[in-house]
């Protein structure tokens, strides 16, 4: 996983706080729904999904024969979660990029079935997709006064 160390607090050129990996993982564990970005017929597609964290992976349950199930076989995908309060101009966003794989081993499927993971269509047979976190990045929108307070002071001679 890439990013800044936990001891550093950095801001990007837009004034957004760059989140360390541990904070990204903590925030990933808080949101119930995320969005997975995959390729469908050579074009980008985005789909909201319920998910669960499982070690260094994001796990998604999808129906057998779904476009996501077909598209996610050994492909690189992005996964994003966020929480934004536009009225107060605060929030955060975390993005994961990694290889998606269908989980096929029966013992592993049984284990993943115990995760707190819903399916949009719980009555249909399901597949589990695992996205291994190869890159995790996050940003936090902080009120303008807080971001300004973090700017380095000008040097004096």
N, C-alpha and C. Protein backbone atom coordinates (compact mmCIF):
# COMPACT_ATOMS: atom_id res chain seq x y z
N UNK A 1 0.85 -1.17 0.00
CA UNK A 1 0.00 0.00 0.00
C UNK A 1 0.89 1.23 0.00
N UNK A 2 0.46 2.26 -0.72
CA UNK A 2 1.26 3.46 -0.79
C UNK A 2 0.58 4.59 -0.04
N UNK A 3 1.33 5.63 0.24
CA UNK A 3 0.77 6.76 0.95
C UNK A 3 1.83 7.33 1.87
N UNK A 4 1.42 8.21 2.77
CA UNK A 4 2.33 8.82 3.71
C UNK A 4 2.37 7.99 4.98
N UNK A 5 3.42 8.18 5.76
CA UNK A 5 3.49 7.47 7.03
C UNK A 5 2.51 8.08 8.01
N UNK A 6 2.18 7.31 9.04
CA UNK A 6 1.20 7.77 10.01
C UNK A 6 1.64 9.03 10.75
N UNK A 7 2.94 9.25 10.87
CA UNK A 7 3.42 10.40 11.62
C UNK A 7 3.29 11.70 10.84
N UNK A 8 3.22 11.62 9.53
CA UNK A 8 3.16 12.81 8.70
C UNK A 8 1.71 13.24 8.49
N UNK A 9 1.50 14.55 8.42
CA UNK A 9 0.21 15.07 8.00
C UNK A 9 0.51 16.01 6.84
N UNK A 10 0.00 15.65 5.68
CA UNK A 10 0.30 16.41 4.48
C UNK A 10 -1.00 16.89 3.86
N UNK A 11 -0.87 17.95 3.08
CA UNK A 11 -1.99 18.47 2.32
C UNK A 11 -1.58 18.50 0.86
N UNK A 12 -2.53 18.18 -0.03
CA UNK A 12 -2.21 18.22 -1.45
C UNK A 12 -2.35 19.65 -1.97
N UNK A 13 -2.14 19.84 -3.25
CA UNK A 13 -2.16 21.18 -3.83
C UNK A 13 -3.53 21.85 -3.77
N UNK A 14 -4.58 21.08 -3.52
CA UNK A 14 -5.93 21.63 -3.41
C UNK A 14 -6.32 21.91 -1.96
N UNK A 15 -5.42 21.62 -1.02
CA UNK A 15 -5.71 21.84 0.39
C UNK A 15 -6.40 20.67 1.07
N UNK A 16 -6.49 19.53 0.38
CA UNK A 16 -7.08 18.33 0.99
C UNK A 16 -6.02 17.60 1.79
N UNK A 17 -6.40 17.11 2.96
CA UNK A 17 -5.48 16.35 3.79
C UNK A 17 -5.24 14.99 3.15
N UNK A 18 -3.99 14.62 2.98
CA UNK A 18 -3.62 13.31 2.46
C UNK A 18 -3.62 12.35 3.65
N UNK A 19 -4.43 11.31 3.57
CA UNK A 19 -4.60 10.40 4.70
C UNK A 19 -3.57 9.28 4.69
N UNK A 20 -3.03 8.94 5.86
CA UNK A 20 -2.11 7.80 5.94
C UNK A 20 -2.87 6.49 5.76
N UNK A 21 -2.18 5.42 5.40
CA UNK A 21 -2.85 4.13 5.14
C UNK A 21 -3.71 3.63 6.30
N UNK A 22 -3.25 3.79 7.54
CA UNK A 22 -4.05 3.29 8.66
C UNK A 22 -5.37 4.03 8.78
N UNK A 23 -5.37 5.32 8.50
CA UNK A 23 -6.62 6.09 8.55
C UNK A 23 -7.53 5.69 7.39
N UNK A 24 -6.95 5.43 6.23
CA UNK A 24 -7.74 4.96 5.09
C UNK A 24 -8.45 3.65 5.44
N UNK A 25 -7.72 2.72 6.05
CA UNK A 25 -8.32 1.43 6.42
C UNK A 25 -9.40 1.60 7.48
N UNK A 26 -9.17 2.50 8.43
CA UNK A 26 -10.18 2.76 9.47
C UNK A 26 -11.46 3.29 8.83
N UNK A 27 -11.31 4.23 7.91
CA UNK A 27 -12.48 4.80 7.23
C UNK A 27 -13.17 3.78 6.34
N UNK A 28 -12.40 2.93 5.67
CA UNK A 28 -12.99 1.86 4.85
C UNK A 28 -13.89 0.97 5.69
N UNK A 29 -13.53 0.78 6.94
CA UNK A 29 -14.32 -0.06 7.83
C UNK A 29 -15.60 0.59 8.32
N UNK A 30 -15.80 1.87 8.05
CA UNK A 30 -16.97 2.58 8.56
C UNK A 30 -18.12 2.70 7.58
N UNK A 31 -17.85 2.70 6.30
CA UNK A 31 -18.90 2.95 5.31
C UNK A 31 -19.57 1.64 4.91
N UNK A 32 -20.90 1.59 4.86
CA UNK A 32 -21.58 0.35 4.52
C UNK A 32 -21.65 0.06 3.02
N UNK A 33 -21.56 1.10 2.21
CA UNK A 33 -21.70 0.94 0.76
C UNK A 33 -20.58 1.69 0.07
N UNK A 34 -20.01 1.06 -0.95
CA UNK A 34 -18.98 1.68 -1.76
C UNK A 34 -19.33 1.56 -3.22
N UNK A 35 -18.42 1.99 -4.07
CA UNK A 35 -18.62 1.91 -5.51
C UNK A 35 -17.41 1.20 -6.12
N UNK A 36 -17.70 0.22 -6.95
CA UNK A 36 -16.63 -0.48 -7.65
C UNK A 36 -16.63 -0.01 -9.10
N UNK A 37 -15.43 0.24 -9.60
CA UNK A 37 -15.24 0.70 -10.98
C UNK A 37 -14.57 -0.44 -11.73
N UNK A 38 -15.20 -0.88 -12.80
CA UNK A 38 -14.69 -2.00 -13.58
C UNK A 38 -14.91 -1.69 -15.05
N UNK A 39 -14.46 -2.58 -15.91
CA UNK A 39 -14.61 -2.38 -17.35
C UNK A 39 -15.74 -3.27 -17.86
N UNK A 40 -16.65 -2.64 -18.60
CA UNK A 40 -17.76 -3.36 -19.22
C UNK A 40 -17.81 -2.99 -20.70
N UNK A 41 -17.59 -3.95 -21.55
CA UNK A 41 -17.55 -3.74 -23.00
C UNK A 41 -16.58 -2.62 -23.36
N UNK A 42 -15.39 -2.69 -22.78
CA UNK A 42 -14.27 -1.77 -23.02
C UNK A 42 -14.53 -0.35 -22.53
N UNK A 43 -15.55 -0.15 -21.70
CA UNK A 43 -15.85 1.17 -21.15
C UNK A 43 -15.88 1.09 -19.63
N UNK A 44 -15.58 2.20 -18.95
CA UNK A 44 -15.66 2.19 -17.49
C UNK A 44 -17.11 2.07 -17.02
N UNK A 45 -17.32 1.30 -15.98
CA UNK A 45 -18.65 1.14 -15.38
C UNK A 45 -18.49 1.28 -13.87
N UNK A 46 -19.49 1.86 -13.23
CA UNK A 46 -19.47 2.06 -11.78
C UNK A 46 -20.74 1.45 -11.21
N UNK A 47 -20.58 0.71 -10.12
CA UNK A 47 -21.74 0.06 -9.51
C UNK A 47 -21.64 0.19 -7.99
N UNK A 48 -22.73 0.62 -7.34
CA UNK A 48 -22.71 0.63 -5.87
C UNK A 48 -22.82 -0.80 -5.35
N UNK A 49 -22.10 -1.07 -4.25
CA UNK A 49 -22.09 -2.42 -3.68
C UNK A 49 -21.96 -2.36 -2.17
N UNK A 50 -22.53 -3.37 -1.50
CA UNK A 50 -22.21 -3.61 -0.10
C UNK A 50 -20.86 -4.32 -0.10
N UNK A 51 -20.08 -4.11 0.94
CA UNK A 51 -18.76 -4.74 0.98
C UNK A 51 -18.36 -4.99 2.43
N UNK A 52 -17.31 -5.76 2.58
CA UNK A 52 -16.72 -6.00 3.89
C UNK A 52 -15.21 -6.05 3.72
N UNK A 53 -14.50 -5.65 4.75
CA UNK A 53 -13.04 -5.77 4.75
C UNK A 53 -12.67 -7.15 5.27
N UNK A 54 -11.67 -7.74 4.64
CA UNK A 54 -11.17 -9.05 5.06
C UNK A 54 -9.66 -9.01 4.92
N UNK A 55 -8.98 -8.65 6.00
CA UNK A 55 -7.53 -8.52 5.95
C UNK A 55 -7.14 -7.40 5.00
N UNK A 56 -6.33 -7.74 4.00
CA UNK A 56 -5.88 -6.73 3.03
C UNK A 56 -6.74 -6.73 1.76
N UNK A 57 -8.00 -7.13 1.92
CA UNK A 57 -8.90 -7.21 0.76
C UNK A 57 -10.26 -6.59 1.05
N UNK A 58 -10.89 -6.14 -0.01
CA UNK A 58 -12.29 -5.75 0.01
C UNK A 58 -13.05 -6.92 -0.59
N UNK A 59 -14.12 -7.36 0.07
CA UNK A 59 -14.91 -8.49 -0.42
C UNK A 59 -16.30 -8.00 -0.76
N UNK A 60 -16.76 -8.40 -1.94
CA UNK A 60 -18.08 -8.02 -2.44
C UNK A 60 -18.84 -9.29 -2.78
N UNK A 61 -20.11 -9.30 -2.50
CA UNK A 61 -20.97 -10.44 -2.87
C UNK A 61 -21.83 -9.97 -4.03
N UNK A 62 -21.84 -10.73 -5.11
CA UNK A 62 -22.64 -10.38 -6.28
C UNK A 62 -23.34 -11.63 -6.81
N UNK A 63 -24.35 -11.44 -7.61
CA UNK A 63 -25.10 -12.58 -8.11
C UNK A 63 -24.37 -13.29 -9.24
N UNK A 64 -24.63 -14.56 -9.35
CA UNK A 64 -24.07 -15.37 -10.43
C UNK A 64 -24.59 -14.82 -11.75
N UNK A 65 -23.70 -14.63 -12.72
CA UNK A 65 -24.11 -14.14 -14.03
C UNK A 65 -24.23 -12.62 -14.13
N UNK A 66 -23.93 -11.89 -13.06
CA UNK A 66 -24.02 -10.43 -13.13
C UNK A 66 -22.89 -9.87 -13.99
N UNK A 67 -23.08 -8.66 -14.48
CA UNK A 67 -22.04 -8.00 -15.28
C UNK A 67 -20.78 -7.82 -14.44
N UNK A 68 -20.95 -7.50 -13.17
CA UNK A 68 -19.79 -7.32 -12.29
C UNK A 68 -19.04 -8.64 -12.12
N UNK A 69 -19.75 -9.73 -11.92
CA UNK A 69 -19.10 -11.03 -11.75
C UNK A 69 -18.30 -11.38 -13.00
N UNK A 70 -18.85 -11.12 -14.16
CA UNK A 70 -18.14 -11.43 -15.41
C UNK A 70 -16.94 -10.50 -15.61
N UNK A 71 -17.11 -9.23 -15.30
CA UNK A 71 -16.07 -8.24 -15.56
C UNK A 71 -14.92 -8.31 -14.57
N UNK A 72 -15.17 -8.81 -13.37
CA UNK A 72 -14.16 -8.75 -12.31
C UNK A 72 -13.21 -9.93 -12.28
N UNK A 73 -13.31 -10.83 -13.20
CA UNK A 73 -12.42 -12.00 -13.19
C UNK A 73 -11.00 -11.59 -13.57
N UNK A 74 -10.12 -11.60 -12.57
CA UNK A 74 -8.70 -11.31 -12.78
C UNK A 74 -8.45 -10.01 -13.50
N UNK A 75 -9.22 -8.99 -13.17
CA UNK A 75 -9.01 -7.68 -13.78
C UNK A 75 -8.64 -6.67 -12.70
N UNK A 76 -8.11 -5.56 -13.13
CA UNK A 76 -7.79 -4.48 -12.19
C UNK A 76 -9.04 -3.61 -12.07
N UNK A 77 -9.42 -3.34 -10.83
CA UNK A 77 -10.60 -2.52 -10.56
C UNK A 77 -10.23 -1.45 -9.55
N UNK A 78 -11.10 -0.46 -9.44
CA UNK A 78 -10.98 0.55 -8.38
C UNK A 78 -12.21 0.41 -7.50
N UNK A 79 -12.04 0.74 -6.24
CA UNK A 79 -13.13 0.70 -5.28
C UNK A 79 -13.05 1.98 -4.48
N UNK A 80 -14.20 2.64 -4.28
CA UNK A 80 -14.19 3.94 -3.62
C UNK A 80 -15.31 4.03 -2.60
N UNK A 81 -15.00 4.62 -1.46
CA UNK A 81 -16.00 4.95 -0.45
C UNK A 81 -15.76 6.39 -0.03
N UNK A 82 -16.82 7.03 0.40
CA UNK A 82 -16.66 8.40 0.87
C UNK A 82 -17.78 8.76 1.82
N UNK A 83 -17.60 9.88 2.47
CA UNK A 83 -18.63 10.48 3.31
C UNK A 83 -18.40 11.98 3.22
N UNK A 84 -19.37 12.68 2.66
CA UNK A 84 -19.24 14.12 2.42
C UNK A 84 -20.41 14.85 3.05
N UNK A 85 -20.12 15.93 3.75
CA UNK A 85 -21.13 16.85 4.26
C UNK A 85 -20.90 18.17 3.56
N UNK A 86 -21.59 18.38 2.43
CA UNK A 86 -21.38 19.56 1.61
C UNK A 86 -21.73 20.85 2.37
N UNK A 87 -22.73 20.79 3.22
CA UNK A 87 -23.13 21.96 3.97
C UNK A 87 -22.05 22.48 4.90
N UNK A 88 -21.31 21.58 5.51
CA UNK A 88 -20.24 21.96 6.43
C UNK A 88 -18.86 21.92 5.77
N UNK A 89 -18.82 21.54 4.51
CA UNK A 89 -17.58 21.44 3.73
C UNK A 89 -16.54 20.55 4.41
N UNK A 90 -17.01 19.38 4.86
CA UNK A 90 -16.11 18.40 5.44
C UNK A 90 -16.43 17.04 4.84
N UNK A 91 -15.48 16.14 4.91
CA UNK A 91 -15.71 14.79 4.43
C UNK A 91 -14.41 14.11 4.08
N UNK A 92 -14.54 12.92 3.53
CA UNK A 92 -13.36 12.14 3.16
C UNK A 92 -13.71 11.21 2.01
N UNK A 93 -12.66 10.73 1.35
CA UNK A 93 -12.80 9.77 0.27
C UNK A 93 -11.59 8.84 0.31
N UNK A 94 -11.85 7.54 0.16
CA UNK A 94 -10.77 6.55 0.11
C UNK A 94 -10.95 5.72 -1.15
N UNK A 95 -9.86 5.52 -1.87
CA UNK A 95 -9.87 4.72 -3.10
C UNK A 95 -8.88 3.57 -2.97
N UNK A 96 -9.32 2.40 -3.38
CA UNK A 96 -8.49 1.20 -3.41
C UNK A 96 -8.37 0.77 -4.87
N UNK A 97 -7.20 0.39 -5.29
CA UNK A 97 -6.99 -0.17 -6.63
C UNK A 97 -6.33 -1.52 -6.43
N UNK A 98 -6.81 -2.52 -7.17
CA UNK A 98 -6.20 -3.84 -7.06
C UNK A 98 -6.82 -4.83 -8.01
N UNK A 99 -6.27 -6.03 -8.00
CA UNK A 99 -6.78 -7.11 -8.84
C UNK A 99 -8.02 -7.72 -8.19
N UNK A 100 -9.04 -7.92 -8.98
CA UNK A 100 -10.26 -8.59 -8.52
C UNK A 100 -10.19 -10.05 -8.92
N UNK A 101 -10.67 -10.89 -8.03
CA UNK A 101 -10.69 -12.32 -8.34
C UNK A 101 -11.95 -12.94 -7.78
N UNK A 102 -12.47 -13.90 -8.49
CA UNK A 102 -13.61 -14.66 -8.00
C UNK A 102 -13.07 -15.66 -6.98
N UNK A 103 -13.76 -15.78 -5.86
CA UNK A 103 -13.37 -16.76 -4.85
C UNK A 103 -14.04 -18.07 -5.24
N UNK A 104 -13.24 -19.12 -5.42
CA UNK A 104 -13.78 -20.39 -5.91
C UNK A 104 -13.60 -21.55 -4.94
N UNK A 105 -12.70 -21.43 -3.98
CA UNK A 105 -12.46 -22.51 -3.04
C UNK A 105 -13.62 -22.61 -2.05
N UNK A 106 -14.21 -23.80 -1.92
CA UNK A 106 -15.41 -24.01 -1.10
C UNK A 106 -15.20 -23.58 0.35
N UNK A 107 -14.06 -23.94 0.94
CA UNK A 107 -13.79 -23.58 2.33
C UNK A 107 -13.74 -22.05 2.50
N UNK A 108 -13.13 -21.38 1.55
CA UNK A 108 -13.03 -19.91 1.61
C UNK A 108 -14.40 -19.27 1.40
N UNK A 109 -15.21 -19.82 0.51
CA UNK A 109 -16.57 -19.32 0.29
C UNK A 109 -17.38 -19.45 1.58
N UNK A 110 -17.26 -20.57 2.25
CA UNK A 110 -17.97 -20.77 3.53
C UNK A 110 -17.52 -19.73 4.56
N UNK A 111 -16.22 -19.46 4.61
CA UNK A 111 -15.71 -18.47 5.55
C UNK A 111 -16.23 -17.08 5.23
N UNK A 112 -16.19 -16.70 3.95
CA UNK A 112 -16.65 -15.37 3.54
C UNK A 112 -18.15 -15.21 3.75
N UNK A 113 -18.90 -16.31 3.67
CA UNK A 113 -20.35 -16.25 3.89
C UNK A 113 -20.67 -15.79 5.31
N UNK A 114 -19.71 -15.92 6.23
CA UNK A 114 -19.90 -15.47 7.60
C UNK A 114 -19.61 -13.99 7.82
N UNK A 115 -19.10 -13.31 6.80
CA UNK A 115 -18.84 -11.88 6.94
C UNK A 115 -20.16 -11.11 6.97
N UNK A 116 -20.19 -9.96 7.63
CA UNK A 116 -21.40 -9.14 7.64
C UNK A 116 -21.57 -8.46 6.28
N UNK A 117 -22.00 -9.22 5.31
CA UNK A 117 -22.02 -8.78 3.92
C UNK A 117 -23.36 -9.09 3.30
N UNK A 118 -24.04 -8.07 2.83
CA UNK A 118 -25.34 -8.24 2.20
C UNK A 118 -25.18 -8.33 0.69
N UNK A 119 -26.19 -8.84 0.05
CA UNK A 119 -26.27 -8.84 -1.40
C UNK A 119 -27.50 -8.05 -1.79
N UNK A 120 -27.44 -7.38 -2.93
CA UNK A 120 -28.62 -6.63 -3.40
C UNK A 120 -29.76 -7.59 -3.69
N UNK A 121 -29.46 -8.81 -4.09
CA UNK A 121 -30.47 -9.84 -4.38
C UNK A 121 -30.19 -11.07 -3.53
N UNK A 122 -30.59 -11.05 -2.25
CA UNK A 122 -30.20 -12.14 -1.35
C UNK A 122 -30.79 -13.50 -1.71
N UNK A 123 -31.85 -13.55 -2.52
CA UNK A 123 -32.46 -14.84 -2.84
C UNK A 123 -31.75 -15.56 -3.99
N UNK A 124 -30.93 -14.86 -4.75
CA UNK A 124 -30.24 -15.47 -5.88
C UNK A 124 -28.91 -16.05 -5.45
N UNK A 125 -28.41 -17.08 -6.15
CA UNK A 125 -27.07 -17.62 -5.84
C UNK A 125 -26.03 -16.51 -6.00
N UNK A 126 -25.01 -16.54 -5.15
CA UNK A 126 -24.03 -15.47 -5.17
C UNK A 126 -22.61 -15.97 -5.38
N UNK A 127 -21.78 -15.04 -5.82
CA UNK A 127 -20.33 -15.20 -5.93
C UNK A 127 -19.71 -14.20 -4.98
N UNK A 128 -18.50 -14.50 -4.54
CA UNK A 128 -17.72 -13.54 -3.79
C UNK A 128 -16.58 -13.06 -4.67
N UNK A 129 -16.39 -11.75 -4.70
CA UNK A 129 -15.27 -11.14 -5.40
C UNK A 129 -14.34 -10.54 -4.36
N UNK A 130 -13.07 -10.84 -4.48
CA UNK A 130 -12.06 -10.28 -3.58
C UNK A 130 -11.22 -9.29 -4.38
N UNK A 131 -11.07 -8.09 -3.83
CA UNK A 131 -10.18 -7.09 -4.42
C UNK A 131 -9.01 -6.92 -3.45
N UNK A 132 -7.85 -7.35 -3.88
CA UNK A 132 -6.66 -7.23 -3.04
C UNK A 132 -6.16 -5.79 -3.13
N UNK A 133 -5.97 -5.17 -1.97
CA UNK A 133 -5.55 -3.77 -1.92
C UNK A 133 -4.09 -3.63 -2.33
N UNK A 134 -3.87 -3.18 -3.55
CA UNK A 134 -2.50 -2.95 -4.02
C UNK A 134 -2.12 -1.48 -3.88
N UNK A 135 -3.12 -0.62 -3.91
CA UNK A 135 -2.90 0.81 -3.71
C UNK A 135 -4.09 1.35 -2.93
N UNK A 136 -3.82 2.08 -1.86
CA UNK A 136 -4.87 2.68 -1.04
C UNK A 136 -4.51 4.14 -0.86
N UNK A 137 -5.45 5.01 -1.23
CA UNK A 137 -5.22 6.45 -1.10
C UNK A 137 -6.46 7.11 -0.55
N UNK A 138 -6.25 8.13 0.24
CA UNK A 138 -7.39 8.83 0.80
C UNK A 138 -7.12 10.31 0.96
N UNK A 139 -8.20 11.06 0.93
CA UNK A 139 -8.14 12.51 1.13
C UNK A 139 -9.27 12.90 2.07
N UNK A 140 -9.01 13.93 2.87
CA UNK A 140 -10.04 14.47 3.75
C UNK A 140 -10.20 15.95 3.44
N UNK A 141 -11.44 16.34 3.26
CA UNK A 141 -11.79 17.75 3.06
C UNK A 141 -11.96 18.35 4.45
N UNK A 142 -11.12 19.32 4.76
CA UNK A 142 -11.19 19.96 6.07
C UNK A 142 -11.68 21.39 5.88
N UNK A 143 -12.33 21.95 6.88
CA UNK A 143 -12.78 23.34 6.74
C UNK A 143 -11.61 24.25 6.35
N UNK A 144 -11.85 25.26 5.53
CA UNK A 144 -10.76 26.11 5.04
C UNK A 144 -9.86 26.66 6.14
N UNK A 145 -10.41 27.03 7.28
CA UNK A 145 -9.56 27.57 8.35
C UNK A 145 -8.60 26.54 8.89
N UNK A 146 -9.01 25.28 8.97
CA UNK A 146 -8.12 24.22 9.47
C UNK A 146 -7.00 23.95 8.47
N UNK A 147 -7.32 23.92 7.19
CA UNK A 147 -6.30 23.68 6.16
C UNK A 147 -5.31 24.84 6.13
N UNK A 148 -5.79 26.07 6.27
CA UNK A 148 -4.91 27.23 6.25
C UNK A 148 -3.97 27.20 7.45
N UNK A 149 -4.46 26.73 8.60
CA UNK A 149 -3.63 26.67 9.80
C UNK A 149 -2.50 25.67 9.64
N UNK A 150 -2.65 24.69 8.74
CA UNK A 150 -1.63 23.67 8.55
C UNK A 150 -0.57 24.07 7.55
N UNK A 151 -0.78 25.18 6.83
CA UNK A 151 0.20 25.62 5.83
C UNK A 151 1.47 26.04 6.54
N UNK A 152 2.62 25.74 5.96
CA UNK A 152 3.86 26.15 6.60
C UNK A 152 3.97 27.68 6.63
N UNK A 153 4.54 28.16 7.70
CA UNK A 153 4.73 29.61 7.83
C UNK A 153 5.80 30.06 6.85
N UNK A 154 5.67 31.29 6.33
CA UNK A 154 6.70 31.80 5.40
C UNK A 154 8.03 31.96 6.14
N UNK A 155 9.10 31.70 5.41
CA UNK A 155 10.43 31.82 6.01
C UNK A 155 10.80 33.29 6.14
N UNK A 156 11.49 33.61 7.22
CA UNK A 156 11.98 34.98 7.40
C UNK A 156 13.49 34.97 7.37
N UNK A 157 14.04 36.07 6.92
CA UNK A 157 15.51 36.14 6.81
C UNK A 157 16.14 36.61 8.07
